Structures are given as C-alpha cells and as structure tokens.
C-alpha atoms as a PDB file:
ATOM      1  CA  MET A   1     -14.416  34.256  90.132  1.00  0.00           C
ATOM      2  CA  ALA A   2     -12.675  31.067  91.102  1.00  0.00           C
ATOM      3  CA  SER A   3     -13.703  27.875  89.415  1.00  0.00           C
ATOM      4  CA  GLN A   4     -15.384  25.117  91.388  1.00  0.00           C
ATOM      5  CA  GLN A   5     -15.012  21.368  91.177  1.00  0.00           C
ATOM      6  CA  ILE A   6     -17.761  19.669  93.159  1.00  0.00           C
ATOM      7  CA  ILE A   7     -18.664  16.056  93.921  1.00  0.00           C
ATOM      8  CA  PHE A   8     -22.239  15.217  94.909  1.00  0.00           C
ATOM      9  CA  ALA A   9     -22.639  11.703  96.384  1.00  0.00           C
ATOM     10  CA  GLY A  10     -25.178   9.488  98.145  1.00  0.00           C
ATOM     11  CA  PHE A  11     -27.632   6.686  97.429  1.00  0.00           C
ATOM     12  CA  GLY A  12     -29.528   6.360  94.164  1.00  0.00           C
ATOM     13  CA  GLY A  13     -32.973   7.924  94.477  1.00  0.00           C
ATOM     14  CA  GLN A  14     -31.822  10.822  96.730  1.00  0.00           C
ATOM     15  CA  GLY A  15     -31.615  13.312  93.884  1.00  0.00           C
ATOM     16  CA  ILE A  16     -27.832  13.327  93.737  1.00  0.00           C
ATOM     17  CA  LEU A  17     -27.661  13.632  89.943  1.00  0.00           C
ATOM     18  CA  SER A  18     -30.441  16.266  89.990  1.00  0.00           C
ATOM     19  CA  MET A  19     -28.467  18.486  92.367  1.00  0.00           C
ATOM     20  CA  GLY A  20     -25.556  18.433  90.000  1.00  0.00           C
ATOM     21  CA  LYS A  21     -27.735  18.961  86.943  1.00  0.00           C
ATOM     22  CA  PHE A  22     -29.533  22.013  88.374  1.00  0.00           C
ATOM     23  CA  LEU A  23     -26.173  23.531  89.363  1.00  0.00           C
ATOM     24  CA  ALA A  24     -24.814  22.839  85.871  1.00  0.00           C
ATOM     25  CA  TYR A  25     -27.808  24.561  84.234  1.00  0.00           C
ATOM     26  CA  ALA A  26     -27.323  27.581  86.544  1.00  0.00           C
ATOM     27  CA  GLY A  27     -23.644  27.612  85.569  1.00  0.00           C
ATOM     28  CA  MET A  28     -24.560  27.637  81.876  1.00  0.00           C
ATOM     29  CA  ASP A  29     -26.961  30.510  82.502  1.00  0.00           C
ATOM     30  CA  ALA A  30     -24.072  32.349  84.190  1.00  0.00           C
ATOM     31  CA  ASN A  31     -22.050  31.869  80.962  1.00  0.00           C
ATOM     32  CA  LEU A  32     -19.556  29.579  82.653  1.00  0.00           C
ATOM     33  CA  ASN A  33     -17.972  26.519  81.083  1.00  0.00           C
ATOM     34  CA  VAL A  34     -19.693  23.539  82.612  1.00  0.00           C
ATOM     35  CA  SER A  35     -19.169  19.791  82.978  1.00  0.00           C
ATOM     36  CA  TRP A  36     -21.666  17.355  84.599  1.00  0.00           C
ATOM     37  CA  LEU A  37     -20.504  13.765  84.860  1.00  0.00           C
ATOM     38  CA  PRO A  38     -22.943  11.287  86.493  1.00  0.00           C
ATOM     39  CA  SER A  39     -21.908   7.929  87.896  1.00  0.00           C
ATOM     40  CA  TYR A  40     -24.086   5.279  89.546  1.00  0.00           C
ATOM     41  CA  GLY A  41     -23.904   1.658  90.525  1.00  0.00           C
ATOM     42  CA  PRO A  42     -25.803  -1.003  88.553  1.00  0.00           C
ATOM     43  CA  GLU A  43     -28.536  -1.240  91.193  1.00  0.00           C
ATOM     44  CA  MET A  44     -29.849   2.364  90.662  1.00  0.00           C
ATOM     45  CA  ARG A  45     -32.229   3.183  93.585  1.00  0.00           C
ATOM     46  CA  GLY A  46     -30.509   2.252  96.827  1.00  0.00           C
ATOM     47  CA  GLY A  47     -27.142   1.810  95.134  1.00  0.00           C
ATOM     48  CA  THR A  48     -24.472   4.510  95.223  1.00  0.00           C
ATOM     49  CA  ALA A  49     -24.730   7.530  92.963  1.00  0.00           C
ATOM     50  CA  ASN A  50     -22.450  10.470  92.476  1.00  0.00           C
ATOM     51  CA  CYS A  51     -21.756  13.178  89.996  1.00  0.00           C
ATOM     52  CA  SER A  52     -18.947  15.590  89.368  1.00  0.00           C
ATOM     53  CA  VAL A  53     -19.672  19.178  88.361  1.00  0.00           C
ATOM     54  CA  ILE A  54     -17.094  21.664  87.137  1.00  0.00           C
ATOM     55  CA  LEU A  55     -17.980  25.347  86.774  1.00  0.00           C
ATOM     56  CA  THR A  56     -15.279  27.653  85.465  1.00  0.00           C
ATOM     57  CA  GLU A  57     -14.477  30.558  83.188  1.00  0.00           C
ATOM     58  CA  ASP A  58     -11.502  28.516  81.902  1.00  0.00           C
ATOM     59  CA  ALA A  59     -11.520  25.672  79.404  1.00  0.00           C
ATOM     60  CA  ILE A  60     -12.337  22.289  80.954  1.00  0.00           C
ATOM     61  CA  GLY A  61      -9.690  19.722  80.078  1.00  0.00           C
ATOM     62  CA  SER A  62     -11.455  16.742  81.603  1.00  0.00           C
ATOM     63  CA  PRO A  63     -14.844  16.192  83.280  1.00  0.00           C
ATOM     64  CA  ILE A  64     -13.184  14.001  85.910  1.00  0.00           C
ATOM     65  CA  VAL A  65     -12.730  15.664  89.297  1.00  0.00           C
ATOM     66  CA  THR A  66      -9.603  14.356  90.980  1.00  0.00           C
ATOM     67  CA  MET A  67      -9.506  16.985  93.739  1.00  0.00           C
ATOM     68  CA  ALA A  68     -12.750  18.766  94.593  1.00  0.00           C
ATOM     69  CA  ASN A  69     -13.236  22.206  96.140  1.00  0.00           C
ATOM     70  CA  SER A  70     -16.475  20.990  97.697  1.00  0.00           C
ATOM     71  CA  ILE A  71     -18.255  17.702  98.338  1.00  0.00           C
ATOM     72  CA  VAL A  72     -21.935  17.284  99.146  1.00  0.00           C
ATOM     73  CA  VAL A  73     -22.668  13.914 100.764  1.00  0.00           C
ATOM     74  CA  MET A  74     -25.946  12.278 101.705  1.00  0.00           C
ATOM     75  CA  ASN A  75     -24.675   9.020 103.239  1.00  0.00           C
ATOM     76  CA  ARG A  76     -21.745   7.719 105.248  1.00  0.00           C
ATOM     77  CA  PRO A  77     -20.206   5.542 102.510  1.00  0.00           C
ATOM     78  CA  SER A  78     -19.990   8.628 100.284  1.00  0.00           C
ATOM     79  CA  LEU A  79     -18.207  10.619 102.973  1.00  0.00           C
ATOM     80  CA  GLU A  80     -15.730   7.786 103.483  1.00  0.00           C
ATOM     81  CA  LYS A  81     -15.185   7.422  99.736  1.00  0.00           C
ATOM     82  CA  PHE A  82     -14.771  11.111  98.804  1.00  0.00           C
ATOM     83  CA  GLU A  83     -13.307  12.803 101.886  1.00  0.00           C
ATOM     84  CA  ASP A  84      -9.768  12.198 100.570  1.00  0.00           C
ATOM     85  CA  LYS A  85     -10.675  13.733  97.193  1.00  0.00           C
ATOM     86  CA  LEU A  86     -11.263  17.128  98.837  1.00  0.00           C
ATOM     87  CA  GLU A  87      -8.513  19.726  98.642  1.00  0.00           C
ATOM     88  CA  PRO A  88      -7.211  21.327 101.868  1.00  0.00           C
ATOM     89  CA  ASN A  89      -9.549  24.147 102.996  1.00  0.00           C
ATOM     90  CA  GLY A  90     -12.298  22.573 100.911  1.00  0.00           C
ATOM     91  CA  VAL A  91     -15.909  22.337 102.059  1.00  0.00           C
ATOM     92  CA  VAL A  92     -17.910  19.250 103.100  1.00  0.00           C
ATOM     93  CA  ILE A  93     -21.664  19.748 103.180  1.00  0.00           C
ATOM     94  CA  LEU A  94     -23.406  16.745 104.662  1.00  0.00           C
ATOM     95  CA  ASP A  95     -26.848  15.554 105.680  1.00  0.00           C
ATOM     96  CA  SER A  96     -26.352  15.033 109.436  1.00  0.00           C
ATOM     97  CA  ASP A  97     -29.580  13.017 109.583  1.00  0.00           C
ATOM     98  CA  LEU A  98     -28.008  10.338 107.382  1.00  0.00           C
ATOM     99  CA  VAL A  99     -24.260  10.738 107.935  1.00  0.00           C
ATOM    100  CA  ASP A 100     -23.585   9.673 111.513  1.00  0.00           C
ATOM    101  CA  VAL A 101     -19.859  10.570 111.578  1.00  0.00           C
ATOM    102  CA  MET A 102     -17.936  13.753 110.985  1.00  0.00           C
ATOM    103  CA  PRO A 103     -15.048  13.984 108.515  1.00  0.00           C
ATOM    104  CA  LYS A 104     -11.742  12.830 110.012  1.00  0.00           C
ATOM    105  CA  ARG A 105      -9.871  15.673 108.373  1.00  0.00           C
ATOM    106  CA  LYS A 106      -9.320  18.881 110.305  1.00  0.00           C
ATOM    107  CA  ASP A 107      -8.193  20.964 107.289  1.00  0.00           C
ATOM    108  CA  VAL A 108     -11.668  21.269 105.756  1.00  0.00           C
ATOM    109  CA  LYS A 109     -14.795  23.270 106.585  1.00  0.00           C
ATOM    110  CA  VAL A 110     -17.789  21.120 107.556  1.00  0.00           C
ATOM    111  CA  ILE A 111     -21.369  22.286 107.211  1.00  0.00           C
ATOM    112  CA  ALA A 112     -23.607  19.650 108.802  1.00  0.00           C
ATOM    113  CA  ILE A 113     -27.294  20.149 108.065  1.00  0.00           C
ATOM    114  CA  PRO A 114     -30.184  17.912 109.256  1.00  0.00           C
ATOM    115  CA  ALA A 115     -31.492  18.031 105.699  1.00  0.00           C
ATOM    116  CA  GLN A 116     -34.029  15.194 106.050  1.00  0.00           C
ATOM    117  CA  SER A 117     -35.658  16.925 109.037  1.00  0.00           C
ATOM    118  CA  VAL A 118     -35.635  20.352 107.362  1.00  0.00           C
ATOM    119  CA  ALA A 119     -37.140  18.879 104.174  1.00  0.00           C
ATOM    120  CA  GLU A 120     -39.810  16.947 106.081  1.00  0.00           C
ATOM    121  CA  LYS A 121     -40.955  20.184 107.772  1.00  0.00           C
ATOM    122  CA  ILE A 122     -41.349  21.750 104.322  1.00  0.00           C
ATOM    123  CA  GLY A 123     -43.374  18.773 103.157  1.00  0.00           C
ATOM    124  CA  SER A 124     -41.192  15.924 101.871  1.00  0.00           C
ATOM    125  CA  LYS A 125     -37.881  14.257 102.699  1.00  0.00           C
ATOM    126  CA  LYS A 126     -37.383  13.972  98.934  1.00  0.00           C
ATOM    127  CA  ILE A 127     -36.247  17.618  98.797  1.00  0.00           C
ATOM    128  CA  ALA A 128     -33.413  17.173 101.316  1.00  0.00           C
ATOM    129  CA  ASN A 129     -31.043  17.411  98.339  1.00  0.00           C
ATOM    130  CA  MET A 130     -32.298  20.927  97.614  1.00  0.00           C
ATOM    131  CA  VAL A 131     -31.533  22.007 101.182  1.00  0.00           C
ATOM    132  CA  LEU A 132     -27.911  20.890 100.690  1.00  0.00           C
ATOM    133  CA  LEU A 133     -27.724  22.498  97.240  1.00  0.00           C
ATOM    134  CA  GLY A 134     -28.861  25.813  98.679  1.00  0.00           C
ATOM    135  CA  ALA A 135     -26.121  25.644 101.301  1.00  0.00           C
ATOM    136  CA  LEU A 136     -23.511  24.842  98.653  1.00  0.00           C
ATOM    137  CA  VAL A 137     -24.457  27.777  96.403  1.00  0.00           C
ATOM    138  CA  LYS A 138     -24.537  30.164  99.391  1.00  0.00           C
ATOM    139  CA  GLN A 139     -21.122  28.912 100.645  1.00  0.00           C
ATOM    140  CA  THR A 140     -19.332  28.977  97.274  1.00  0.00           C
ATOM    141  CA  ASN A 141     -21.135  31.853  95.510  1.00  0.00           C
ATOM    142  CA  ILE A 142     -20.293  29.986  92.286  1.00  0.00           C
ATOM    143  CA  VAL A 143     -23.623  31.129  90.812  1.00  0.00           C
ATOM    144  CA  SER A 144     -26.221  33.583  92.117  1.00  0.00           C
ATOM    145  CA  MET A 145     -29.213  32.269  94.058  1.00  0.00           C
ATOM    146  CA  ASP A 146     -31.438  33.853  91.367  1.00  0.00           C
ATOM    147  CA  LEU A 147     -29.734  31.794  88.634  1.00  0.00           C
ATOM    148  CA  LEU A 148     -30.089  28.613  90.684  1.00  0.00           C
ATOM    149  CA  LEU A 149     -33.775  29.238  91.284  1.00  0.00           C
ATOM    150  CA  SER A 150     -34.260  30.103  87.619  1.00  0.00           C
ATOM    151  CA  ALA A 151     -32.600  26.811  86.646  1.00  0.00           C
ATOM    152  CA  LEU A 152     -34.883  24.925  89.048  1.00  0.00           C
ATOM    153  CA  LYS A 153     -37.912  26.597  87.548  1.00  0.00           C
ATOM    154  CA  ALA A 154     -36.831  25.975  83.937  1.00  0.00           C
ATOM    155  CA  HIS A 155     -35.544  22.431  84.298  1.00  0.00           C
ATOM    156  CA  GLY A 156     -37.425  20.977  87.280  1.00  0.00           C
ATOM    157  CA  LYS A 157     -41.025  19.860  87.527  1.00  0.00           C
ATOM    158  CA  GLU A 158     -43.275  22.890  87.929  1.00  0.00           C
ATOM    159  CA  LYS A 159     -45.391  21.286  90.651  1.00  0.00           C
ATOM    160  CA  PHE A 160     -42.281  20.935  92.862  1.00  0.00           C
ATOM    161  CA  PHE A 161     -40.819  24.407  92.250  1.00  0.00           C
ATOM    162  CA  GLU A 162     -42.232  26.166  95.341  1.00  0.00           C
ATOM    163  CA  SER A 163     -41.176  23.427  97.753  1.00  0.00           C
ATOM    164  CA  ASN A 164     -37.746  23.125  96.039  1.00  0.00           C
ATOM    165  CA  LYS A 165     -37.308  26.900  96.279  1.00  0.00           C
ATOM    166  CA  GLU A 166     -38.242  26.850  99.974  1.00  0.00           C
ATOM    167  CA  ALA A 167     -35.747  23.998 100.595  1.00  0.00           C
ATOM    168  CA  VAL A 168     -32.938  25.794  98.746  1.00  0.00           C
ATOM    169  CA  LEU A 169     -33.513  28.986 100.731  1.00  0.00           C
ATOM    170  CA  LYS A 170     -33.688  27.025 104.024  1.00  0.00           C
ATOM    171  CA  GLY A 171     -30.329  25.476 103.202  1.00  0.00           C
ATOM    172  CA  THR A 172     -28.717  28.941 102.912  1.00  0.00           C
ATOM    173  CA  GLU A 173     -29.557  29.599 106.571  1.00  0.00           C
ATOM    174  CA  TYR A 174     -27.008  26.949 107.644  1.00  0.00           C
ATOM    175  CA  VAL A 175     -24.066  28.773 106.029  1.00  0.00           C
END
C-alpha cells in the first residue's frame, strides 16, 4: 500500500476539518500511522480552513504536507492556493458547485463533483463534504469503505450517520 498525503481545503463551516478527522480515524483503524494537522484563519466560519492528513505504514517525520498526492477543495481560493502543492499525477477532487474554474495543470487527474447539489438531494448541503470524502477514498483506496463508514459511525453524530453514509456512497459513483 502506498502512503497518502492529502490536503482538504475550503471555507470554515464546510466540514473541512471533519473530513480529515474521519479519514484519520479510519486510517488508525486500518493500523496505519496517521497525522491530522488542522489550520484555519482567525475568523473561523467563512474564513479559510484546511487540514493535512498523512496515512502511511512508514514513520511520519513531519505532519506538514509539502507535496500532496491528493487535494480536496471546496472553494476557488483553496484550489488556487493548493494546486501547486500537488505532485504530478496527483488527484484534485473538487466541488464543482462552488469551484467555478478547473485546475490549470494538465498533469493531474481532476474529479469534479457537484457536491452541494448531490448533498441537497440527500437532505442537506452540509454533507457535501462527505460526498467528496467518499470519492477520495474510492479513488485512493487508502482505507476500505467499511473502515471509513465505521469511523463515521464511531466518531460522528449518530443522528447524521445515515445521511453521511448515503453521501459518502454517492461520492464513490463519481470515480
């Protein structure tokens, strides 16, 4: 299994840090070495938020991701900020409802998902992050879908589990 270095980025309040946290829990359940490093602007909701997640069988020297294998972005400023931190042949997963441009780079794979629209059909735009997370896990196979869903159930709010699960599974259909 290859290791993964992932950057999740968007506005505060979009569940950016939660995406990373659920993936990190799933990674721990898969007996991988895990790092989750959150970062957000002083304004919290509405400001920028991002987190770096590293999942690997190797020792983790630093939690800072300088070159990511994958980036998951939920707004245009995040795409513009992190596109250059993606390694060649890396993957960009973006919410095409909120990101109105495509990456400039031609050496990366782009998975554009109308995550807000998909989430709204399930019941709430607030779970758009879970749609993107499902696509990431399906694309990278870094953890099994069962482990991700188990982490959601164990570490998320129980009342949101079914809709989160539906959103995650819907996201896999775009890969």
